């Protein structure tokens, strides 16, 4: 089974091509001074398929990160996944960024992943041996501190959350999250009880997008 995976939700963009759980090719794209990394998503998908002598018709399964993360990045990859899957009548497996990051390390311990959610909160989820013990949620920082002080976890965070609850910074671990995403999707594809049709794919917006309200200046006569 040829699997195409992509992720634009976090600090880099990942596009990966695999056959079952064997990686064929993997690309990591960083943001430039002029373009956010998600701007290169379509062109990178085209290139990775062309380089490996594949066409969109060869792809049998799609997978993508559904968030949390950058609102622009989440919109980009989930929209592309839905359009691609609908056009080619493919299943698409959406996986949260927290689950992807949790699976970058090999441990039997409980893994707590937390990313900065701002507004005094951290996105948090807990996993152990492939099972979700605590679903992705925005947790107040004080509550997060209490969680990690009361129980032993393998903790993975970003730079902001590392300063608050410790753990390893996933960026410094320098893992190819695209490969992790694609291998996870292959495992999940064997679960016949789950509906992975494109219509079931939705972005994981745990908190509402930030809204900027422009002030209107009126002239009083």
N, C-alpha and C. Protein backbone atom coordinates (compact mmCIF):
# COMPACT_ATOMS: atom_id res chain seq x y z
N UNK A 1 0.85 -1.20 0.00
CA UNK A 1 0.00 0.00 0.00
C UNK A 1 0.88 1.25 0.00
N UNK A 2 0.66 2.12 -0.97
CA UNK A 2 1.41 3.37 -1.06
C UNK A 2 0.71 4.43 -0.20
N UNK A 3 1.46 5.00 0.75
CA UNK A 3 0.91 5.99 1.68
C UNK A 3 1.61 7.31 1.47
N UNK A 4 0.82 8.37 1.36
CA UNK A 4 1.36 9.73 1.27
C UNK A 4 0.95 10.47 2.53
N UNK A 5 1.94 10.98 3.26
CA UNK A 5 1.66 11.71 4.48
C UNK A 5 2.23 13.11 4.43
N UNK A 6 1.52 14.08 5.04
CA UNK A 6 2.06 15.44 5.10
C UNK A 6 1.58 16.16 6.35
N UNK A 7 2.41 17.10 6.78
CA UNK A 7 2.18 17.79 8.05
C UNK A 7 2.72 19.21 7.92
N UNK A 8 1.85 20.19 8.10
CA UNK A 8 2.28 21.59 8.08
C UNK A 8 1.88 22.31 9.37
N UNK A 9 1.58 21.54 10.42
CA UNK A 9 1.01 22.13 11.63
C UNK A 9 2.04 22.73 12.59
N UNK A 10 3.27 22.25 12.54
CA UNK A 10 4.25 22.65 13.54
C UNK A 10 5.35 23.52 12.93
N UNK A 11 6.56 23.43 13.45
CA UNK A 11 7.61 24.37 13.06
C UNK A 11 8.20 24.09 11.68
N UNK A 12 7.99 22.89 11.15
CA UNK A 12 8.49 22.53 9.83
C UNK A 12 7.38 21.81 9.06
N UNK A 13 7.58 21.68 7.76
CA UNK A 13 6.65 20.90 6.95
C UNK A 13 7.30 19.56 6.62
N UNK A 14 6.49 18.50 6.71
CA UNK A 14 6.96 17.16 6.41
C UNK A 14 6.09 16.55 5.32
N UNK A 15 6.71 15.97 4.32
CA UNK A 15 5.99 15.22 3.29
C UNK A 15 6.71 13.89 3.13
N UNK A 16 5.97 12.80 3.26
CA UNK A 16 6.58 11.47 3.29
C UNK A 16 5.82 10.50 2.39
N UNK A 17 6.57 9.69 1.69
CA UNK A 17 6.01 8.64 0.84
C UNK A 17 6.48 7.30 1.39
N UNK A 18 5.54 6.37 1.56
CA UNK A 18 5.90 5.07 2.13
C UNK A 18 5.16 3.95 1.42
N UNK A 19 5.73 2.77 1.50
CA UNK A 19 5.02 1.56 1.09
C UNK A 19 4.83 0.73 2.34
N UNK A 20 3.58 0.64 2.77
CA UNK A 20 3.26 0.07 4.09
C UNK A 20 4.03 0.86 5.15
N UNK A 21 4.84 0.21 5.97
CA UNK A 21 5.59 0.94 6.99
C UNK A 21 7.06 1.17 6.60
N UNK A 22 7.36 1.00 5.33
CA UNK A 22 8.71 1.25 4.83
C UNK A 22 8.76 2.61 4.14
N UNK A 23 9.62 3.49 4.60
CA UNK A 23 9.72 4.83 4.04
C UNK A 23 10.43 4.78 2.69
N UNK A 24 9.78 5.34 1.67
CA UNK A 24 10.38 5.44 0.34
C UNK A 24 11.15 6.75 0.20
N UNK A 25 10.55 7.83 0.66
CA UNK A 25 11.17 9.15 0.54
C UNK A 25 10.55 10.06 1.59
N UNK A 26 11.32 11.01 2.08
CA UNK A 26 10.81 11.93 3.10
C UNK A 26 11.44 13.30 2.91
N UNK A 27 10.63 14.35 2.96
CA UNK A 27 11.11 15.72 2.79
C UNK A 27 10.77 16.54 4.03
N UNK A 28 11.70 17.39 4.42
CA UNK A 28 11.50 18.32 5.53
C UNK A 28 11.76 19.73 5.01
N UNK A 29 10.74 20.58 5.11
CA UNK A 29 10.83 21.94 4.57
C UNK A 29 10.68 22.95 5.71
N UNK A 30 11.59 23.92 5.76
CA UNK A 30 11.52 24.95 6.78
C UNK A 30 10.98 26.25 6.20
N UNK A 31 10.43 27.08 7.06
CA UNK A 31 9.92 28.38 6.65
C UNK A 31 11.07 29.26 6.17
N UNK A 32 10.84 30.01 5.09
CA UNK A 32 11.86 30.94 4.58
C UNK A 32 11.51 32.36 5.02
N UNK A 33 12.34 33.31 4.65
CA UNK A 33 12.10 34.71 4.99
C UNK A 33 10.87 35.26 4.27
N UNK A 34 10.52 34.66 3.15
CA UNK A 34 9.41 35.18 2.35
C UNK A 34 8.17 34.30 2.35
N UNK A 35 8.31 33.02 2.70
CA UNK A 35 7.16 32.11 2.64
C UNK A 35 7.10 31.21 3.86
N UNK A 36 5.89 31.08 4.41
CA UNK A 36 5.64 30.10 5.47
C UNK A 36 5.71 28.72 4.83
N UNK A 37 6.19 27.72 5.56
CA UNK A 37 6.48 26.42 4.95
C UNK A 37 5.29 25.77 4.27
N UNK A 38 4.06 26.02 4.73
CA UNK A 38 2.89 25.39 4.11
C UNK A 38 2.68 25.84 2.67
N UNK A 39 3.30 26.98 2.28
CA UNK A 39 3.18 27.47 0.90
C UNK A 39 3.81 26.50 -0.09
N UNK A 40 4.69 25.62 0.40
CA UNK A 40 5.39 24.68 -0.48
C UNK A 40 4.74 23.30 -0.49
N UNK A 41 3.59 23.14 0.15
CA UNK A 41 3.00 21.81 0.30
C UNK A 41 2.67 21.16 -1.04
N UNK A 42 1.91 21.83 -1.88
CA UNK A 42 1.50 21.23 -3.15
C UNK A 42 2.71 20.91 -4.03
N UNK A 43 3.64 21.85 -4.14
CA UNK A 43 4.81 21.62 -4.99
C UNK A 43 5.68 20.48 -4.46
N UNK A 44 5.75 20.33 -3.15
CA UNK A 44 6.56 19.25 -2.57
C UNK A 44 5.88 17.90 -2.78
N UNK A 45 4.57 17.86 -2.67
CA UNK A 45 3.84 16.62 -2.96
C UNK A 45 4.07 16.20 -4.42
N UNK A 46 3.95 17.15 -5.33
CA UNK A 46 4.18 16.85 -6.75
C UNK A 46 5.59 16.32 -6.98
N UNK A 47 6.56 16.96 -6.33
CA UNK A 47 7.96 16.59 -6.54
C UNK A 47 8.29 15.22 -5.97
N UNK A 48 7.77 14.91 -4.76
CA UNK A 48 8.10 13.62 -4.16
C UNK A 48 7.47 12.47 -4.95
N UNK A 49 6.30 12.71 -5.52
CA UNK A 49 5.68 11.68 -6.36
C UNK A 49 6.46 11.51 -7.66
N UNK A 50 6.80 12.63 -8.30
CA UNK A 50 7.52 12.58 -9.57
C UNK A 50 8.90 11.93 -9.41
N UNK A 51 9.62 12.32 -8.36
CA UNK A 51 10.96 11.78 -8.12
C UNK A 51 10.94 10.27 -7.95
N UNK A 52 9.87 9.77 -7.35
CA UNK A 52 9.77 8.33 -7.08
C UNK A 52 8.90 7.60 -8.10
N UNK A 53 8.69 8.28 -9.25
CA UNK A 53 7.96 7.69 -10.38
C UNK A 53 6.57 7.21 -9.98
N UNK A 54 5.90 8.05 -9.21
CA UNK A 54 4.53 7.77 -8.80
C UNK A 54 3.63 8.91 -9.29
N UNK A 55 2.35 8.61 -9.40
CA UNK A 55 1.36 9.62 -9.74
C UNK A 55 0.32 9.63 -8.61
N UNK A 56 -0.55 10.63 -8.57
CA UNK A 56 -1.61 10.63 -7.57
C UNK A 56 -2.47 9.36 -7.61
N UNK A 57 -2.56 8.75 -8.78
CA UNK A 57 -3.35 7.52 -8.91
C UNK A 57 -2.72 6.33 -8.19
N UNK A 58 -1.40 6.42 -7.92
CA UNK A 58 -0.71 5.33 -7.23
C UNK A 58 -0.92 5.36 -5.72
N UNK A 59 -1.30 6.52 -5.21
CA UNK A 59 -1.48 6.67 -3.76
C UNK A 59 -2.74 5.91 -3.33
N UNK A 60 -2.59 5.10 -2.27
CA UNK A 60 -3.71 4.28 -1.79
C UNK A 60 -4.24 4.72 -0.43
N UNK A 61 -3.46 5.53 0.28
CA UNK A 61 -3.89 6.03 1.58
C UNK A 61 -3.22 7.36 1.85
N UNK A 62 -3.98 8.31 2.39
CA UNK A 62 -3.43 9.60 2.80
C UNK A 62 -3.44 9.69 4.31
N UNK A 63 -2.49 10.44 4.85
CA UNK A 63 -2.50 10.74 6.28
C UNK A 63 -1.97 12.14 6.50
N UNK A 64 -2.51 12.80 7.51
CA UNK A 64 -2.08 14.17 7.79
C UNK A 64 -2.22 14.49 9.27
N UNK A 65 -1.45 15.48 9.70
CA UNK A 65 -1.56 16.02 11.05
C UNK A 65 -2.80 16.92 11.07
N UNK A 66 -3.65 16.77 12.09
CA UNK A 66 -4.86 17.60 12.18
C UNK A 66 -4.77 18.68 13.25
N UNK A 67 -3.60 18.78 13.93
CA UNK A 67 -3.42 19.77 14.97
C UNK A 67 -3.36 19.12 16.34
N UNK A 68 -3.19 19.93 17.38
CA UNK A 68 -3.10 21.38 17.38
C UNK A 68 -1.77 21.89 16.82
N UNK A 69 -1.75 23.20 16.59
CA UNK A 69 -0.57 23.83 16.03
C UNK A 69 -0.95 25.13 15.37
N UNK A 70 -0.21 25.49 14.34
CA UNK A 70 -0.49 26.71 13.60
C UNK A 70 -1.86 26.61 12.92
N UNK A 71 -2.71 27.63 13.10
CA UNK A 71 -4.03 27.60 12.47
C UNK A 71 -3.89 27.56 10.94
N UNK A 72 -2.95 28.34 10.41
CA UNK A 72 -2.71 28.33 8.96
C UNK A 72 -2.25 26.96 8.50
N UNK A 73 -1.32 26.36 9.26
CA UNK A 73 -0.80 25.04 8.90
C UNK A 73 -1.85 23.95 8.97
N UNK A 74 -2.70 24.01 10.00
CA UNK A 74 -3.77 23.01 10.14
C UNK A 74 -4.73 23.11 8.95
N UNK A 75 -5.12 24.34 8.62
CA UNK A 75 -6.03 24.53 7.48
C UNK A 75 -5.42 24.00 6.19
N UNK A 76 -4.14 24.28 6.00
CA UNK A 76 -3.47 23.88 4.75
C UNK A 76 -3.48 22.37 4.57
N UNK A 77 -2.99 21.63 5.56
CA UNK A 77 -2.86 20.19 5.34
C UNK A 77 -4.19 19.45 5.38
N UNK A 78 -5.13 19.88 6.21
CA UNK A 78 -6.43 19.19 6.23
C UNK A 78 -7.23 19.48 4.97
N UNK A 79 -7.12 20.69 4.44
CA UNK A 79 -7.83 21.03 3.20
C UNK A 79 -7.28 20.24 2.02
N UNK A 80 -5.96 20.21 1.91
CA UNK A 80 -5.33 19.45 0.82
C UNK A 80 -5.68 17.97 0.94
N UNK A 81 -5.66 17.43 2.15
CA UNK A 81 -5.98 16.01 2.35
C UNK A 81 -7.41 15.70 1.93
N UNK A 82 -8.35 16.56 2.34
CA UNK A 82 -9.76 16.32 2.00
C UNK A 82 -9.98 16.40 0.49
N UNK A 83 -9.39 17.39 -0.17
CA UNK A 83 -9.58 17.56 -1.61
C UNK A 83 -8.96 16.39 -2.37
N UNK A 84 -7.72 16.03 -2.01
CA UNK A 84 -7.00 14.92 -2.66
C UNK A 84 -7.79 13.62 -2.46
N UNK A 85 -8.20 13.35 -1.23
CA UNK A 85 -8.90 12.10 -0.93
C UNK A 85 -10.25 12.03 -1.63
N UNK A 86 -10.96 13.14 -1.69
CA UNK A 86 -12.26 13.15 -2.36
C UNK A 86 -12.09 12.92 -3.86
N UNK A 87 -11.08 13.57 -4.44
CA UNK A 87 -10.86 13.44 -5.88
C UNK A 87 -10.48 12.02 -6.28
N UNK A 88 -9.72 11.34 -5.42
CA UNK A 88 -9.21 10.01 -5.74
C UNK A 88 -9.95 8.90 -4.99
N UNK A 89 -10.99 9.27 -4.24
CA UNK A 89 -11.78 8.31 -3.47
C UNK A 89 -10.90 7.48 -2.54
N UNK A 90 -10.08 8.20 -1.75
CA UNK A 90 -9.15 7.55 -0.84
C UNK A 90 -9.57 7.72 0.61
N UNK A 91 -9.15 6.79 1.43
CA UNK A 91 -9.25 7.00 2.87
C UNK A 91 -8.16 7.96 3.31
N UNK A 92 -8.43 8.72 4.36
CA UNK A 92 -7.43 9.63 4.90
C UNK A 92 -7.46 9.54 6.42
N UNK A 93 -6.30 9.34 7.02
CA UNK A 93 -6.18 9.17 8.47
C UNK A 93 -5.60 10.44 9.07
N UNK A 94 -6.38 11.09 9.92
CA UNK A 94 -5.91 12.28 10.62
C UNK A 94 -5.37 11.91 11.99
N UNK A 95 -4.19 12.43 12.32
CA UNK A 95 -3.54 12.12 13.59
C UNK A 95 -3.11 13.44 14.24
N UNK A 96 -3.31 13.57 15.53
CA UNK A 96 -2.96 14.82 16.21
C UNK A 96 -1.45 14.97 16.34
N UNK A 97 -1.01 16.22 16.37
CA UNK A 97 0.42 16.51 16.52
C UNK A 97 0.95 15.94 17.84
N UNK A 98 0.11 15.92 18.88
CA UNK A 98 0.55 15.41 20.17
C UNK A 98 0.83 13.90 20.11
N UNK A 99 -0.03 13.17 19.40
CA UNK A 99 0.20 11.73 19.26
C UNK A 99 1.43 11.45 18.41
N UNK A 100 1.62 12.25 17.36
CA UNK A 100 2.81 12.07 16.51
C UNK A 100 4.07 12.26 17.33
N UNK A 101 4.12 13.36 18.09
CA UNK A 101 5.31 13.65 18.89
C UNK A 101 5.53 12.57 19.94
N UNK A 102 4.46 12.09 20.56
CA UNK A 102 4.59 11.05 21.59
C UNK A 102 5.23 9.79 21.04
N UNK A 103 5.01 9.51 19.77
CA UNK A 103 5.53 8.28 19.16
C UNK A 103 6.92 8.43 18.58
N UNK A 104 7.58 9.57 18.84
CA UNK A 104 8.96 9.73 18.38
C UNK A 104 9.95 9.06 19.33
N UNK A 105 9.48 8.65 20.50
CA UNK A 105 10.37 7.96 21.45
C UNK A 105 9.83 6.57 21.74
N UNK A 106 10.73 5.67 22.08
CA UNK A 106 10.37 4.28 22.37
C UNK A 106 10.46 4.06 23.88
N UNK A 107 9.33 3.94 24.54
CA UNK A 107 9.31 3.75 25.98
C UNK A 107 8.02 3.08 26.40
N UNK A 108 8.07 2.36 27.51
CA UNK A 108 6.87 1.75 28.07
C UNK A 108 6.20 2.68 29.08
N UNK A 109 6.86 3.78 29.42
CA UNK A 109 6.32 4.73 30.38
C UNK A 109 5.19 5.55 29.76
N UNK A 110 4.41 6.17 30.61
CA UNK A 110 3.41 7.11 30.11
C UNK A 110 4.12 8.33 29.53
N UNK A 111 3.66 8.75 28.35
CA UNK A 111 4.27 9.90 27.68
C UNK A 111 3.29 11.06 27.71
N UNK A 112 3.70 12.15 28.34
CA UNK A 112 2.90 13.37 28.36
C UNK A 112 3.50 14.35 27.37
N UNK A 113 2.69 14.77 26.42
CA UNK A 113 3.13 15.75 25.43
C UNK A 113 2.38 17.05 25.69
N UNK A 114 3.13 18.15 25.71
CA UNK A 114 2.49 19.45 25.94
C UNK A 114 3.13 20.51 25.05
N UNK A 115 2.28 21.26 24.36
CA UNK A 115 2.73 22.36 23.50
C UNK A 115 2.07 23.65 23.98
N UNK A 116 2.76 24.74 23.75
CA UNK A 116 2.26 26.04 24.20
C UNK A 116 0.94 26.38 23.51
N UNK A 117 -0.10 26.62 24.30
CA UNK A 117 -1.40 27.02 23.76
C UNK A 117 -1.68 28.51 24.01
N UNK A 118 -0.73 29.17 24.68
CA UNK A 118 -0.87 30.57 25.06
C UNK A 118 -2.08 30.76 25.98
N UNK A 119 -2.38 31.99 26.29
CA UNK A 119 -3.52 32.30 27.17
C UNK A 119 -3.45 31.53 28.49
N UNK A 120 -2.21 31.27 28.98
CA UNK A 120 -2.05 30.59 30.26
C UNK A 120 -2.37 29.12 30.23
N UNK A 121 -2.30 28.49 29.05
CA UNK A 121 -2.62 27.07 28.92
C UNK A 121 -1.59 26.35 28.07
N UNK A 122 -1.61 25.03 28.18
CA UNK A 122 -0.78 24.19 27.33
C UNK A 122 -1.62 23.09 26.73
N UNK A 123 -1.44 22.83 25.43
CA UNK A 123 -2.09 21.67 24.83
C UNK A 123 -1.44 20.43 25.45
N UNK A 124 -2.25 19.47 25.84
CA UNK A 124 -1.71 18.31 26.55
C UNK A 124 -2.45 17.04 26.15
N UNK A 125 -1.71 15.95 26.08
CA UNK A 125 -2.29 14.62 25.88
C UNK A 125 -1.32 13.61 26.49
N UNK A 126 -1.85 12.45 26.87
CA UNK A 126 -1.03 11.41 27.48
C UNK A 126 -1.26 10.10 26.74
N UNK A 127 -0.15 9.39 26.44
CA UNK A 127 -0.21 8.13 25.71
C UNK A 127 0.67 7.10 26.41
N UNK A 128 0.33 5.83 26.21
CA UNK A 128 1.18 4.75 26.69
C UNK A 128 0.98 3.52 25.82
N UNK A 129 2.09 3.07 25.26
CA UNK A 129 2.07 1.87 24.40
C UNK A 129 0.97 1.93 23.34
N UNK A 130 0.88 3.08 22.69
CA UNK A 130 -0.05 3.22 21.59
C UNK A 130 -1.47 3.56 21.98
N UNK A 131 -1.76 3.65 23.29
CA UNK A 131 -3.11 3.96 23.74
C UNK A 131 -3.21 5.40 24.24
N UNK A 132 -4.30 6.05 23.92
CA UNK A 132 -4.53 7.41 24.39
C UNK A 132 -5.18 7.37 25.77
N UNK A 133 -4.47 7.87 26.77
CA UNK A 133 -4.98 7.87 28.14
C UNK A 133 -5.65 9.19 28.51
N UNK A 134 -5.23 10.26 27.84
CA UNK A 134 -5.77 11.59 28.10
C UNK A 134 -5.85 12.30 26.76
N UNK A 135 -7.06 12.57 26.28
CA UNK A 135 -7.25 13.13 24.95
C UNK A 135 -6.74 14.57 24.88
N UNK A 136 -6.31 15.02 23.70
CA UNK A 136 -5.80 16.39 23.55
C UNK A 136 -6.76 17.44 24.09
N UNK A 137 -6.20 18.32 24.91
CA UNK A 137 -7.00 19.33 25.59
C UNK A 137 -6.10 20.51 25.96
N UNK A 138 -6.68 21.70 26.05
CA UNK A 138 -5.94 22.87 26.54
C UNK A 138 -6.07 22.91 28.05
N UNK A 139 -4.96 22.73 28.74
CA UNK A 139 -4.96 22.61 30.20
C UNK A 139 -4.29 23.84 30.82
N UNK A 140 -4.89 24.46 31.85
CA UNK A 140 -4.25 25.58 32.54
C UNK A 140 -2.86 25.18 33.05
N UNK A 141 -1.93 26.12 33.02
CA UNK A 141 -0.55 25.81 33.37
C UNK A 141 -0.40 25.28 34.79
N UNK A 142 -1.13 25.84 35.73
CA UNK A 142 -1.04 25.37 37.11
C UNK A 142 -1.49 23.92 37.23
N UNK A 143 -2.52 23.57 36.47
CA UNK A 143 -3.01 22.19 36.48
C UNK A 143 -1.99 21.25 35.86
N UNK A 144 -1.32 21.72 34.81
CA UNK A 144 -0.27 20.91 34.17
C UNK A 144 0.88 20.65 35.14
N UNK A 145 1.29 21.70 35.84
CA UNK A 145 2.37 21.55 36.82
C UNK A 145 2.01 20.51 37.87
N UNK A 146 0.76 20.53 38.29
CA UNK A 146 0.29 19.56 39.30
C UNK A 146 0.30 18.15 38.74
N UNK A 147 -0.12 18.01 37.48
CA UNK A 147 -0.14 16.69 36.84
C UNK A 147 1.25 16.06 36.83
N UNK A 148 2.25 16.82 36.42
CA UNK A 148 3.61 16.26 36.28
C UNK A 148 4.28 16.07 37.64
N UNK A 149 3.81 16.76 38.67
CA UNK A 149 4.40 16.59 39.99
C UNK A 149 3.81 15.39 40.73
N UNK A 150 2.61 14.98 40.33
CA UNK A 150 1.92 13.89 41.02
C UNK A 150 2.15 12.52 40.39
N UNK A 151 2.69 12.49 39.18
CA UNK A 151 2.85 11.21 38.50
C UNK A 151 4.10 11.24 37.62
N UNK A 152 4.70 10.09 37.42
CA UNK A 152 5.92 10.01 36.62
C UNK A 152 5.58 9.84 35.15
N UNK A 153 6.11 10.74 34.33
CA UNK A 153 5.89 10.70 32.89
C UNK A 153 7.22 10.86 32.15
N UNK A 154 7.24 10.39 30.93
CA UNK A 154 8.23 10.83 29.95
C UNK A 154 7.60 12.07 29.32
N UNK A 155 8.23 13.21 29.48
CA UNK A 155 7.62 14.47 29.06
C UNK A 155 8.30 15.01 27.81
N UNK A 156 7.48 15.36 26.80
CA UNK A 156 7.99 15.99 25.58
C UNK A 156 7.21 17.29 25.37
N UNK A 157 7.94 18.36 25.15
CA UNK A 157 7.32 19.68 25.05
C UNK A 157 7.94 20.48 23.92
N UNK A 158 7.48 21.72 23.78
CA UNK A 158 8.18 22.68 22.93
C UNK A 158 9.01 23.57 23.85
N UNK A 159 9.66 24.57 23.28
CA UNK A 159 10.57 25.40 24.07
C UNK A 159 9.85 26.14 25.20
N UNK A 160 8.68 26.68 24.91
CA UNK A 160 7.94 27.45 25.92
C UNK A 160 7.50 26.57 27.08
N UNK A 161 6.96 25.40 26.78
CA UNK A 161 6.46 24.52 27.83
C UNK A 161 7.59 23.83 28.59
N UNK A 162 8.72 23.65 27.94
CA UNK A 162 9.87 23.05 28.60
C UNK A 162 10.31 23.91 29.79
N UNK A 163 10.21 25.22 29.65
CA UNK A 163 10.59 26.13 30.73
C UNK A 163 9.63 26.02 31.92
N UNK A 164 8.42 25.52 31.68
CA UNK A 164 7.40 25.47 32.73
C UNK A 164 7.31 24.10 33.39
N UNK A 165 7.34 23.01 32.58
CA UNK A 165 7.17 21.67 33.17
C UNK A 165 8.35 20.74 32.87
N UNK A 166 9.39 21.26 32.22
CA UNK A 166 10.56 20.43 31.96
C UNK A 166 10.35 19.49 30.78
N UNK A 167 11.07 18.39 30.80
CA UNK A 167 10.96 17.42 29.71
C UNK A 167 11.92 17.70 28.58
N UNK A 168 11.74 16.98 27.49
CA UNK A 168 12.57 17.13 26.30
C UNK A 168 11.85 17.99 25.27
N UNK A 169 12.58 18.89 24.64
CA UNK A 169 12.04 19.73 23.58
C UNK A 169 12.01 18.93 22.28
N UNK A 170 10.82 18.72 21.71
CA UNK A 170 10.72 17.88 20.51
C UNK A 170 11.53 18.44 19.35
N UNK A 171 11.69 19.76 19.31
CA UNK A 171 12.46 20.37 18.22
C UNK A 171 13.93 19.97 18.34
N UNK A 172 14.44 19.97 19.57
CA UNK A 172 15.83 19.59 19.79
C UNK A 172 16.07 18.10 19.55
N UNK A 173 15.02 17.29 19.69
CA UNK A 173 15.14 15.86 19.39
C UNK A 173 15.37 15.63 17.90
N UNK A 174 14.93 16.61 17.08
CA UNK A 174 15.18 16.61 15.63
C UNK A 174 14.71 15.32 14.95
N UNK A 175 13.50 14.90 15.26
CA UNK A 175 12.92 13.71 14.65
C UNK A 175 12.18 14.08 13.37
N UNK A 176 12.15 13.16 12.43
CA UNK A 176 11.36 13.35 11.22
C UNK A 176 9.91 12.98 11.53
N UNK A 177 9.10 13.98 11.84
CA UNK A 177 7.72 13.73 12.23
C UNK A 177 6.88 13.18 11.09
N UNK A 178 7.29 13.44 9.87
CA UNK A 178 6.57 12.90 8.72
C UNK A 178 6.66 11.38 8.67
N UNK A 179 7.84 10.86 8.96
CA UNK A 179 8.00 9.40 8.98
C UNK A 179 7.19 8.78 10.12
N UNK A 180 7.20 9.44 11.28
CA UNK A 180 6.41 8.94 12.41
C UNK A 180 4.93 8.94 12.07
N UNK A 181 4.46 10.03 11.46
CA UNK A 181 3.06 10.15 11.04
C UNK A 181 2.67 9.01 10.12
N UNK A 182 3.48 8.75 9.12
CA UNK A 182 3.15 7.76 8.11
C UNK A 182 3.14 6.34 8.68
N UNK A 183 4.09 6.05 9.55
CA UNK A 183 4.12 4.71 10.17
C UNK A 183 2.94 4.52 11.11
N UNK A 184 2.55 5.58 11.81
CA UNK A 184 1.37 5.50 12.66
C UNK A 184 0.12 5.23 11.83
N UNK A 185 0.02 5.92 10.71
CA UNK A 185 -1.15 5.76 9.83
C UNK A 185 -1.25 4.32 9.32
N UNK A 186 -0.11 3.72 9.00
CA UNK A 186 -0.14 2.34 8.51
C UNK A 186 -0.70 1.41 9.59
N UNK A 187 -0.27 1.62 10.85
CA UNK A 187 -0.80 0.80 11.95
C UNK A 187 -2.30 0.99 12.09
N UNK A 188 -2.74 2.25 12.03
CA UNK A 188 -4.16 2.56 12.21
C UNK A 188 -5.00 2.04 11.05
N UNK A 189 -4.41 1.94 9.87
CA UNK A 189 -5.17 1.50 8.69
C UNK A 189 -5.63 0.06 8.82
N UNK A 190 -5.00 -0.69 9.71
CA UNK A 190 -5.38 -2.08 9.91
C UNK A 190 -6.61 -2.23 10.81
N UNK A 191 -7.07 -1.09 11.37
CA UNK A 191 -8.27 -1.12 12.20
C UNK A 191 -9.50 -0.93 11.31
N UNK A 192 -10.16 -2.01 11.00
CA UNK A 192 -11.27 -1.97 10.05
C UNK A 192 -12.54 -1.38 10.67
N UNK A 193 -12.53 -1.20 11.99
CA UNK A 193 -13.73 -0.70 12.65
C UNK A 193 -13.86 0.82 12.57
N UNK A 194 -12.79 1.50 12.15
CA UNK A 194 -12.80 2.96 12.09
C UNK A 194 -13.07 3.44 10.68
N UNK A 195 -13.92 4.45 10.56
CA UNK A 195 -14.26 5.04 9.26
C UNK A 195 -13.25 6.13 8.94
N UNK A 196 -12.41 5.91 7.93
CA UNK A 196 -11.39 6.86 7.55
C UNK A 196 -11.74 7.59 6.24
N UNK A 197 -13.01 7.66 5.91
CA UNK A 197 -13.40 8.37 4.69
C UNK A 197 -13.06 9.86 4.83
N UNK A 198 -12.85 10.53 3.71
CA UNK A 198 -12.40 11.92 3.73
C UNK A 198 -13.39 12.84 4.45
N UNK A 199 -14.67 12.49 4.40
CA UNK A 199 -15.69 13.34 5.03
C UNK A 199 -15.59 13.35 6.55
N UNK A 200 -14.87 12.38 7.11
CA UNK A 200 -14.71 12.29 8.56
C UNK A 200 -13.49 13.06 9.05
N UNK A 201 -12.70 13.58 8.13
CA UNK A 201 -11.48 14.29 8.52
C UNK A 201 -11.81 15.73 8.88
N UNK A 202 -11.46 16.13 10.09
CA UNK A 202 -11.70 17.50 10.53
C UNK A 202 -10.49 18.02 11.28
N UNK A 203 -10.19 19.31 11.13
CA UNK A 203 -9.07 19.89 11.88
C UNK A 203 -9.34 19.87 13.37
N UNK A 204 -8.27 19.71 14.15
CA UNK A 204 -8.40 19.68 15.60
C UNK A 204 -8.11 21.07 16.15
N UNK A 205 -9.15 21.90 16.18
CA UNK A 205 -9.03 23.24 16.75
C UNK A 205 -9.49 23.16 18.21
N UNK A 206 -8.54 23.04 19.12
CA UNK A 206 -8.89 22.93 20.53
C UNK A 206 -9.33 24.27 21.09
N UNK A 207 -8.69 25.34 20.61
CA UNK A 207 -9.05 26.69 21.01
C UNK A 207 -9.43 27.48 19.76
N UNK A 208 -10.30 28.47 19.89
CA UNK A 208 -10.67 29.27 18.72
C UNK A 208 -9.48 30.05 18.18
N UNK A 209 -9.52 30.30 16.88
CA UNK A 209 -8.44 31.06 16.26
C UNK A 209 -8.40 32.48 16.82
N UNK A 210 -7.18 33.06 16.95
CA UNK A 210 -7.09 34.44 17.42
C UNK A 210 -7.73 35.39 16.42
N UNK A 211 -8.50 36.32 16.94
CA UNK A 211 -9.19 37.27 16.06
C UNK A 211 -8.71 38.68 16.39
N UNK A 212 -8.31 39.38 15.36
CA UNK A 212 -7.88 40.77 15.53
C UNK A 212 -8.99 41.69 15.07
N UNK A 213 -9.45 42.54 15.94
CA UNK A 213 -10.52 43.48 15.61
C UNK A 213 -9.92 44.85 15.32
N UNK A 214 -10.14 45.32 14.12
CA UNK A 214 -9.60 46.62 13.75
C UNK A 214 -10.48 47.73 14.31
N UNK A 215 -9.83 48.72 14.85
CA UNK A 215 -10.57 49.83 15.39
C UNK A 215 -11.01 50.77 14.26
N UNK A 216 -12.23 51.21 14.35
CA UNK A 216 -12.75 52.13 13.34
C UNK A 216 -12.72 53.55 13.89
N UNK A 217 -12.09 54.42 13.14
CA UNK A 217 -11.98 55.80 13.59
C UNK A 217 -13.12 56.62 12.95
N UNK A 218 -13.89 57.24 13.79
CA UNK A 218 -14.99 58.07 13.28
C UNK A 218 -14.71 59.53 13.54
N UNK A 219 -15.13 60.35 12.62
CA UNK A 219 -14.96 61.79 12.76
C UNK A 219 -16.22 62.39 13.32
N UNK A 220 -16.11 62.97 14.49
CA UNK A 220 -17.27 63.62 15.10
C UNK A 220 -17.33 65.09 14.70
N UNK A 221 -18.40 65.45 14.09
CA UNK A 221 -18.54 66.85 13.65
C UNK A 221 -19.38 67.64 14.64
